Each structure stands twice: as C-alpha cells, then as structure tokens.
Amino acid sequence: MKHSAYLAALSTVFLVACGGGSSDPAPATPSTIAAAAPSVGDCFELTPGIKFIKSNGYKELNVQETFEGSTAFGAVELRSDDTRFGASYQTISGGFVHGLGLNQYDQTGVLDGKNVYSSGFQIPVDMAVGQTAQLTYTDTFSDFTIGTTSTSNVSVSLTLAGFEDLTLAGRAFVNTCKFTMPSSAGQTDVLWFAKGFGIIRKELEDAQGVMVAGSRIELATIVSAP
C-alpha cells in the first residue's frame, strides 16, 4: 500500500471597528486582525468521524484509535461494503507530522498485515512553498497470514507545491495543501490535503506536467462531516 497522510486550513480576515452617532468622537480607524497563514500542520490534521466516498468507489473514514500501543489519528480506506481495506496512522508533535505506519486487511476486513515506520518518517509542519522534505526511514512489515517479518529502507521526497482552493461535492476547501512526489518514468504523484478530511484529490502527471488520463481519484460524496 502507498503511504498517505492528511490536510489544509480555512483562513479568515476579521475587521474590528468602533463608531457612534454625531455626538460621539470620530470613529476609530478599523483595525485588521491578520488571518493565520495556511500551514502544512493544518493540512495534516484529521477530524474523527469525517467520512466520504471517492470517485473510485472506495470510502474513507477518519478515526482516532490505537496503533502500536499509542493513540493516533488514522485515515481508514473502506471497500464499498464498508469492510476495511487499509489504514494509515499519524501523530503531530514537536513541529513534525509523524507517520507511524499502516494496517492492511483481507477481503473480509480482518487485519492480516502491518507496516511500522521508524522515526525518520516526519514532515515539518512549517514547510514553505517550494520546500522539499526528504523522508528516510525503515519500514518493518509483518505478514500475519504467513507469519513473516521483513524490513526495508525507504527514501521519499515530498515537495509542497502550494496552497490551492478546491470545490468538490459542493463543498469549498480553502487552502488545500498541494504536494508532489516523484514517481516512475519521469512522472509525478500529486496530492491535495484538506483540513479534517485528508487527501481529497490525487493524480499522476507526466514529465510535461499534464495529468495522465484516468489517474485522478477525488472526493465525490461527503457522507458525514461533524
């Protein structure tokens, strides 16, 4: 399974003004409270209970549950019958998003494998547009079906391409985080994260930056958004 993780923030500018009638002092000049800039930390927050259907028919449910003995936030991918297909887990602390690993499930939704990542899977919450995070970590995979464990070294680069507004399923997602990740044959994986939801769109682009036909998967229907 591919690594995934999740999200982006709404920003608002508030104007505060004071004034009065003709007998009052001259109105004070309105003061502007600056909106907080969007951040990668916002983009990777997950709201438990959010559930949506993707354009490929799979569903995603965001949860808070235990992974490897610790409380974590997870994005669970569900089949059309709501059985689990996979789940990725993360925490946010110390200025980083920490990718913890994945659970993998068989056709009936029974846990049959687990990937556990070392501490090298961490993404800075304050990445600037154009900045690349190099993730270098160890992935330990346990196959519960055949009782084996294997370890591999992984190195992945993740670049923050920018913050974009998207409208999907009639909902406006402001300041989604757009990330790019090198794929094979000069192609690039592109992912958009929205606050609370996780990855709401992903696609593959060719070497010229053109979307590969049929590669886009995106949020199609919101089932619940507490």
C-alpha atoms as a PDB file:
ATOM      1  CA  MET A   1       0.000   0.000   0.000  1.00  0.00           C
ATOM      2  CA  LYS A   2       1.117   3.528  -0.658  1.00  0.00           C
ATOM      3  CA  HIS A   3       1.820   5.947   2.146  1.00  0.00           C
ATOM      4  CA  SER A   4      -0.812   8.501   2.785  1.00  0.00           C
ATOM      5  CA  ALA A   5      -1.325  11.132   5.295  1.00  0.00           C
ATOM      6  CA  TYR A   6      -3.649  14.273   5.522  1.00  0.00           C
ATOM      7  CA  LEU A   7      -4.977  18.378   5.283  1.00  0.00           C
ATOM      8  CA  ALA A   8      -5.388  22.337   4.992  1.00  0.00           C
ATOM      9  CA  ALA A   9      -6.893  25.298   6.852  1.00  0.00           C
ATOM     10  CA  LEU A  10      -9.559  27.939   6.227  1.00  0.00           C
ATOM     11  CA  SER A  11      -8.277  31.443   6.836  1.00  0.00           C
ATOM     12  CA  THR A  12     -10.449  34.464   7.578  1.00  0.00           C
ATOM     13  CA  VAL A  13      -9.784  38.200   7.909  1.00  0.00           C
ATOM     14  CA  PHE A  14     -11.824  39.966  10.607  1.00  0.00           C
ATOM     15  CA  LEU A  15     -12.383  43.716  10.654  1.00  0.00           C
ATOM     16  CA  VAL A  16     -12.979  45.288  14.052  1.00  0.00           C
ATOM     17  CA  ALA A  17     -14.447  48.789  14.012  1.00  0.00           C
ATOM     18  CA  CYS A  18     -15.796  51.219  16.595  1.00  0.00           C
ATOM     19  CA  GLY A  19     -18.107  54.154  15.856  1.00  0.00           C
ATOM     20  CA  GLY A  20     -21.071  56.182  17.074  1.00  0.00           C
ATOM     21  CA  GLY A  21     -23.611  58.898  16.364  1.00  0.00           C
ATOM     22  CA  SER A  22     -22.950  62.555  15.703  1.00  0.00           C
ATOM     23  CA  SER A  23     -22.343  63.280  19.391  1.00  0.00           C
ATOM     24  CA  ASP A  24     -19.684  60.562  19.687  1.00  0.00           C
ATOM     25  CA  PRO A  25     -15.992  61.025  18.988  1.00  0.00           C
ATOM     26  CA  ALA A  26     -14.821  60.408  15.462  1.00  0.00           C
ATOM     27  CA  PRO A  27     -14.902  56.710  14.595  1.00  0.00           C
ATOM     28  CA  ALA A  28     -11.701  54.894  15.248  1.00  0.00           C
ATOM     29  CA  THR A  29      -9.847  53.590  12.247  1.00  0.00           C
ATOM     30  CA  PRO A  30     -10.849  49.956  11.733  1.00  0.00           C
ATOM     31  CA  SER A  31      -8.109  47.578  12.743  1.00  0.00           C
ATOM     32  CA  THR A  32      -7.423  44.441  10.791  1.00  0.00           C
ATOM     33  CA  ILE A  33      -6.664  41.165  12.507  1.00  0.00           C
ATOM     34  CA  ALA A  34      -4.417  39.275  10.144  1.00  0.00           C
ATOM     35  CA  ALA A  35      -5.527  35.802   9.207  1.00  0.00           C
ATOM     36  CA  ALA A  36      -3.229  32.982  10.107  1.00  0.00           C
ATOM     37  CA  ALA A  37      -1.285  31.790   7.102  1.00  0.00           C
ATOM     38  CA  PRO A  38      -2.092  28.275   5.917  1.00  0.00           C
ATOM     39  CA  SER A  39       0.344  25.660   7.112  1.00  0.00           C
ATOM     40  CA  VAL A  40       1.322  22.069   6.498  1.00  0.00           C
ATOM     41  CA  GLY A  41       0.494  21.336  10.121  1.00  0.00           C
ATOM     42  CA  ASP A  42      -3.098  22.343   9.424  1.00  0.00           C
ATOM     43  CA  CYS A  43      -3.133  20.176   6.328  1.00  0.00           C
ATOM     44  CA  PHE A  44      -2.294  17.023   8.225  1.00  0.00           C
ATOM     45  CA  GLU A  45      -4.925  17.359  10.941  1.00  0.00           C
ATOM     46  CA  LEU A  46      -7.667  14.738  10.811  1.00  0.00           C
ATOM     47  CA  THR A  47     -11.182  15.047  12.222  1.00  0.00           C
ATOM     48  CA  PRO A  48     -12.536  11.731  13.535  1.00  0.00           C
ATOM     49  CA  GLY A  49     -15.951  10.893  12.124  1.00  0.00           C
ATOM     50  CA  ILE A  50     -15.471  12.501   8.730  1.00  0.00           C
ATOM     51  CA  LYS A  51     -16.417  10.014   6.055  1.00  0.00           C
ATOM     52  CA  PHE A  52     -16.561  10.390   2.289  1.00  0.00           C
ATOM     53  CA  ILE A  53     -16.822   8.370  -0.900  1.00  0.00           C
ATOM     54  CA  LYS A  54     -14.146   8.681  -3.566  1.00  0.00           C
ATOM     55  CA  SER A  55     -14.582   8.667  -7.318  1.00  0.00           C
ATOM     56  CA  ASN A  56     -13.158   5.128  -7.490  1.00  0.00           C
ATOM     57  CA  GLY A  57     -15.941   3.811  -5.238  1.00  0.00           C
ATOM     58  CA  TYR A  58     -13.803   3.385  -2.128  1.00  0.00           C
ATOM     59  CA  LYS A  59     -14.659   5.249   1.066  1.00  0.00           C
ATOM     60  CA  GLU A  60     -12.517   6.983   3.651  1.00  0.00           C
ATOM     61  CA  LEU A  61     -13.267   7.260   7.359  1.00  0.00           C
ATOM     62  CA  ASN A  62     -11.114   9.321   9.712  1.00  0.00           C
ATOM     63  CA  VAL A  63     -10.625   7.853  13.174  1.00  0.00           C
ATOM     64  CA  GLN A  64      -8.760   8.210  16.445  1.00  0.00           C
ATOM     65  CA  GLU A  65      -7.622   4.823  17.702  1.00  0.00           C
ATOM     66  CA  THR A  66      -4.628   2.882  18.961  1.00  0.00           C
ATOM     67  CA  PHE A  67      -1.699   1.965  16.737  1.00  0.00           C
ATOM     68  CA  GLU A  68       1.274   0.123  18.231  1.00  0.00           C
ATOM     69  CA  GLY A  69       0.116   0.943  21.747  1.00  0.00           C
ATOM     70  CA  SER A  70      -0.259   4.693  21.214  1.00  0.00           C
ATOM     71  CA  THR A  71      -3.241   6.898  20.436  1.00  0.00           C
ATOM     72  CA  ALA A  72      -3.074   8.149  16.862  1.00  0.00           C
ATOM     73  CA  PHE A  73      -5.212   9.648  14.136  1.00  0.00           C
ATOM     74  CA  GLY A  74      -5.920   7.429  11.178  1.00  0.00           C
ATOM     75  CA  ALA A  75      -7.353   7.533   7.679  1.00  0.00           C
ATOM     76  CA  VAL A  76      -9.170   4.262   7.034  1.00  0.00           C
ATOM     77  CA  GLU A  77      -9.900   3.189   3.474  1.00  0.00           C
ATOM     78  CA  LEU A  78     -13.096   1.157   3.208  1.00  0.00           C
ATOM     79  CA  ARG A  79     -14.413  -1.061   0.470  1.00  0.00           C
ATOM     80  CA  SER A  80     -17.874  -0.403  -0.969  1.00  0.00           C
ATOM     81  CA  ASP A  81     -19.345  -2.771   1.658  1.00  0.00           C
ATOM     82  CA  ASP A  82     -17.630  -0.789   4.471  1.00  0.00           C
ATOM     83  CA  THR A  83     -15.086  -3.502   5.308  1.00  0.00           C
ATOM     84  CA  ARG A  84     -11.604  -2.158   5.948  1.00  0.00           C
ATOM     85  CA  PHE A  85      -9.045  -2.233   3.150  1.00  0.00           C
ATOM     86  CA  GLY A  86      -6.212  -0.319   4.817  1.00  0.00           C
ATOM     87  CA  ALA A  87      -5.498   2.366   7.413  1.00  0.00           C
ATOM     88  CA  SER A  88      -2.616   4.827   7.792  1.00  0.00           C
ATOM     89  CA  TYR A  89      -1.745   6.385  11.153  1.00  0.00           C
ATOM     90  CA  GLN A  90      -0.032   9.571  12.265  1.00  0.00           C
ATOM     91  CA  THR A  91       0.544  11.985  15.130  1.00  0.00           C
ATOM     92  CA  ILE A  92       1.565  15.648  15.169  1.00  0.00           C
ATOM     93  CA  SER A  93       4.033  16.826  17.820  1.00  0.00           C
ATOM     94  CA  GLY A  94       7.305  18.682  18.252  1.00  0.00           C
ATOM     95  CA  GLY A  95       6.920  20.579  14.985  1.00  0.00           C
ATOM     96  CA  PHE A  96       6.520  17.471  12.837  1.00  0.00           C
ATOM     97  CA  VAL A  97       3.887  15.192  11.400  1.00  0.00           C
ATOM     98  CA  HIS A  98       4.998  11.681  12.330  1.00  0.00           C
ATOM     99  CA  GLY A  99       3.936   8.869  10.023  1.00  0.00           C
ATOM    100  CA  LEU A 100       3.561   5.771  12.188  1.00  0.00           C
ATOM    101  CA  GLY A 101       2.579   3.059   9.753  1.00  0.00           C
ATOM    102  CA  LEU A 102      -0.214   1.131   8.073  1.00  0.00           C
ATOM    103  CA  ASN A 103      -2.658  -1.633   8.858  1.00  0.00           C
ATOM    104  CA  GLN A 104      -3.680  -3.907   5.987  1.00  0.00           C
ATOM    105  CA  TYR A 105      -6.809  -6.066   5.889  1.00  0.00           C
ATOM    106  CA  ASP A 106      -8.044  -9.085   3.957  1.00  0.00           C
ATOM    107  CA  GLN A 107     -11.211  -9.220   1.845  1.00  0.00           C
ATOM    108  CA  THR A 108     -13.365  -9.702   4.940  1.00  0.00           C
ATOM    109  CA  GLY A 109     -11.838  -6.774   6.828  1.00  0.00           C
ATOM    110  CA  VAL A 110      -9.643  -8.871   9.128  1.00  0.00           C
ATOM    111  CA  LEU A 111      -6.195  -7.463   9.933  1.00  0.00           C
ATOM    112  CA  ASP A 112      -3.618  -9.513   8.035  1.00  0.00           C
ATOM    113  CA  GLY A 113      -0.567  -7.244   7.833  1.00  0.00           C
ATOM    114  CA  LYS A 114       1.107  -4.226   9.379  1.00  0.00           C
ATOM    115  CA  ASN A 115       3.779  -1.728   8.329  1.00  0.00           C
ATOM    116  CA  VAL A 116       5.570   0.095  11.148  1.00  0.00           C
ATOM    117  CA  TYR A 117       7.775   3.084  10.298  1.00  0.00           C
ATOM    118  CA  SER A 118      10.854   4.269  12.155  1.00  0.00           C
ATOM    119  CA  SER A 119      11.127   7.850  13.417  1.00  0.00           C
ATOM    120  CA  GLY A 120      12.559   9.111  10.111  1.00  0.00           C
ATOM    121  CA  PHE A 121       9.070   9.492   8.657  1.00  0.00           C
ATOM    122  CA  GLN A 122       8.488  13.067   9.763  1.00  0.00           C
ATOM    123  CA  ILE A 123       7.244  16.088   7.833  1.00  0.00           C
ATOM    124  CA  PRO A 124       7.878  19.643   9.157  1.00  0.00           C
ATOM    125  CA  VAL A 125       4.628  21.434   9.985  1.00  0.00           C
ATOM    126  CA  ASP A 126       6.070  24.778   8.843  1.00  0.00           C
ATOM    127  CA  MET A 127       7.202  23.865   5.321  1.00  0.00           C
ATOM    128  CA  ALA A 128       7.386  26.780   2.883  1.00  0.00           C
ATOM    129  CA  VAL A 129       6.023  26.607  -0.650  1.00  0.00           C
ATOM    130  CA  GLY A 130       8.702  25.022  -2.815  1.00  0.00           C
ATOM    131  CA  GLN A 131      10.388  23.283   0.116  1.00  0.00           C
ATOM    132  CA  THR A 132      11.098  19.560  -0.114  1.00  0.00           C
ATOM    133  CA  ALA A 133      11.043  17.206   2.854  1.00  0.00           C
ATOM    134  CA  GLN A 134      13.245  14.145   2.493  1.00  0.00           C
ATOM    135  CA  LEU A 135      11.758  11.218   4.379  1.00  0.00           C
ATOM    136  CA  THR A 136      14.280   8.493   5.132  1.00  0.00           C
ATOM    137  CA  TYR A 137      13.043   5.715   7.366  1.00  0.00           C
ATOM    138  CA  THR A 138      12.816   1.988   7.977  1.00  0.00           C
ATOM    139  CA  ASP A 139       9.603   0.143   7.111  1.00  0.00           C
ATOM    140  CA  THR A 140       9.052  -3.095   9.033  1.00  0.00           C
ATOM    141  CA  PHE A 141       6.304  -5.237   7.504  1.00  0.00           C
ATOM    142  CA  SER A 142       4.660  -8.111   9.361  1.00  0.00           C
ATOM    143  CA  ASP A 143       2.561 -10.563   7.353  1.00  0.00           C
ATOM    144  CA  PHE A 144       0.184 -12.157   9.838  1.00  0.00           C
ATOM    145  CA  THR A 145      -1.098 -14.680   7.305  1.00  0.00           C
ATOM    146  CA  ILE A 146       2.216 -16.465   6.796  1.00  0.00           C
ATOM    147  CA  GLY A 147       3.944 -15.283   9.970  1.00  0.00           C
ATOM    148  CA  THR A 148       6.897 -13.441   8.426  1.00  0.00           C
ATOM    149  CA  THR A 149       8.526 -10.078   9.081  1.00  0.00           C
ATOM    150  CA  SER A 150      10.691  -8.097   6.666  1.00  0.00           C
ATOM    151  CA  THR A 151      12.436  -4.733   6.814  1.00  0.00           C
ATOM    152  CA  SER A 152      13.194  -2.264   4.048  1.00  0.00           C
ATOM    153  CA  ASN A 153      14.847   1.143   3.899  1.00  0.00           C
ATOM    154  CA  VAL A 154      12.724   3.851   2.291  1.00  0.00           C
ATOM    155  CA  SER A 155      13.641   7.306   0.988  1.00  0.00           C
ATOM    156  CA  VAL A 156      10.887   9.558  -0.348  1.00  0.00           C
ATOM    157  CA  SER A 157      10.896  13.255  -1.236  1.00  0.00           C
ATOM    158  CA  LEU A 158       7.749  15.318  -0.713  1.00  0.00           C
ATOM    159  CA  THR A 159       7.527  18.884  -2.073  1.00  0.00           C
ATOM    160  CA  LEU A 160       4.973  21.496  -1.054  1.00  0.00           C
ATOM    161  CA  ALA A 161       3.860  22.885  -4.420  1.00  0.00           C
ATOM    162  CA  GLY A 162       1.441  25.424  -2.969  1.00  0.00           C
ATOM    163  CA  PHE A 163      -1.905  26.122  -1.348  1.00  0.00           C
ATOM    164  CA  GLU A 164      -4.974  25.842  -3.577  1.00  0.00           C
ATOM    165  CA  ASP A 165      -8.734  26.247  -3.244  1.00  0.00           C
ATOM    166  CA  LEU A 166     -10.867  23.358  -4.497  1.00  0.00           C
ATOM    167  CA  THR A 167     -14.603  22.756  -4.652  1.00  0.00           C
ATOM    168  CA  LEU A 168     -15.622  19.112  -4.512  1.00  0.00           C
ATOM    169  CA  ALA A 169     -19.040  17.576  -3.827  1.00  0.00           C
ATOM    170  CA  GLY A 170     -20.431  21.086  -3.420  1.00  0.00           C
ATOM    171  CA  ARG A 171     -18.033  21.945  -0.589  1.00  0.00           C
ATOM    172  CA  ALA A 172     -15.374  24.645  -0.799  1.00  0.00           C
ATOM    173  CA  PHE A 173     -11.980  23.565   0.501  1.00  0.00           C
ATOM    174  CA  VAL A 174      -9.823  26.632   1.110  1.00  0.00           C
ATOM    175  CA  ASN A 175      -6.027  26.498   1.154  1.00  0.00           C
ATOM    176  CA  THR A 176      -5.645  22.817   0.483  1.00  0.00           C
ATOM    177  CA  CYS A 177      -2.027  21.722   0.548  1.00  0.00           C
ATOM    178  CA  LYS A 178      -0.772  20.537  -2.820  1.00  0.00           C
ATOM    179  CA  PHE A 179       2.175  18.148  -2.650  1.00  0.00           C
ATOM    180  CA  THR A 180       4.210  16.494  -5.368  1.00  0.00           C
ATOM    181  CA  MET A 181       6.207  13.296  -5.112  1.00  0.00           C
ATOM    182  CA  PRO A 182       8.430  11.779  -7.837  1.00  0.00           C
ATOM    183  CA  SER A 183       7.037   8.608  -9.382  1.00  0.00           C
ATOM    184  CA  SER A 184       8.479   6.352 -12.080  1.00  0.00           C
ATOM    185  CA  ALA A 185       9.428   7.141 -15.695  1.00  0.00           C
ATOM    186  CA  GLY A 186       9.667  10.865 -15.023  1.00  0.00           C
ATOM    187  CA  GLN A 187       6.101  11.038 -13.770  1.00  0.00           C
ATOM    188  CA  THR A 188       4.921  12.783 -10.603  1.00  0.00           C
ATOM    189  CA  ASP A 189       2.308  11.902  -7.998  1.00  0.00           C
ATOM    190  CA  VAL A 190       0.253  14.952  -6.999  1.00  0.00           C
ATOM    191  CA  LEU A 191      -1.834  15.017  -3.803  1.00  0.00           C
ATOM    192  CA  TRP A 192      -4.157  17.604  -2.266  1.00  0.00           C
ATOM    193  CA  PHE A 193      -4.817  17.563   1.504  1.00  0.00           C
ATOM    194  CA  ALA A 194      -7.776  19.341   3.144  1.00  0.00           C
ATOM    195  CA  LYS A 195      -8.120  20.110   6.823  1.00  0.00           C
ATOM    196  CA  GLY A 196     -10.087  17.478   8.678  1.00  0.00           C
ATOM    197  CA  PHE A 197     -10.569  15.333   5.583  1.00  0.00           C
ATOM    198  CA  GLY A 198      -7.158  14.139   4.462  1.00  0.00           C
ATOM    199  CA  ILE A 199      -6.325  13.510   0.823  1.00  0.00           C
ATOM    200  CA  ILE A 200      -9.267  14.768  -1.228  1.00  0.00           C
ATOM    201  CA  ARG A 201      -7.641  14.503  -4.651  1.00  0.00           C
ATOM    202  CA  LYS A 202      -4.696  12.651  -6.142  1.00  0.00           C
ATOM    203  CA  GLU A 203      -3.474  12.199  -9.687  1.00  0.00           C
ATOM    204  CA  LEU A 204      -0.444  11.316 -11.765  1.00  0.00           C
ATOM    205  CA  GLU A 205       1.259  13.849 -14.041  1.00  0.00           C
ATOM    206  CA  ASP A 206       3.603  13.131 -16.927  1.00  0.00           C
ATOM    207  CA  ALA A 207       7.019  14.727 -17.444  1.00  0.00           C
ATOM    208  CA  GLN A 208       5.324  17.765 -19.053  1.00  0.00           C
ATOM    209  CA  GLY A 209       3.053  18.311 -16.053  1.00  0.00           C
ATOM    210  CA  VAL A 210      -0.056  17.019 -17.829  1.00  0.00           C
ATOM    211  CA  MET A 211      -2.410  14.753 -15.907  1.00  0.00           C
ATOM    212  CA  VAL A 212      -2.241  11.134 -17.020  1.00  0.00           C
ATOM    213  CA  ALA A 213      -5.673  10.151 -18.325  1.00  0.00           C
ATOM    214  CA  GLY A 214      -7.704   8.141 -15.836  1.00  0.00           C
ATOM    215  CA  SER A 215      -5.318   8.734 -12.937  1.00  0.00           C
ATOM    216  CA  ARG A 216      -7.387  11.214 -10.928  1.00  0.00           C
ATOM    217  CA  ILE A 217      -9.168   9.996  -7.796  1.00  0.00           C
ATOM    218  CA  GLU A 218     -11.019  12.577  -5.717  1.00  0.00           C
ATOM    219  CA  LEU A 219     -13.678  13.132  -3.108  1.00  0.00           C
ATOM    220  CA  ALA A 220     -17.074  12.606  -4.752  1.00  0.00           C
ATOM    221  CA  THR A 221     -19.641  12.456  -1.926  1.00  0.00           C
ATOM    222  CA  ILE A 222     -19.477  13.565   1.705  1.00  0.00           C
ATOM    223  CA  VAL A 223     -21.215  11.041   3.959  1.00  0.00           C
ATOM    224  CA  SER A 224     -20.552  12.770   7.292  1.00  0.00           C
ATOM    225  CA  ALA A 225     -18.585  15.824   8.368  1.00  0.00           C
ATOM    226  CA  PRO A 226     -19.032  16.503  12.106  1.00  0.00           C
END
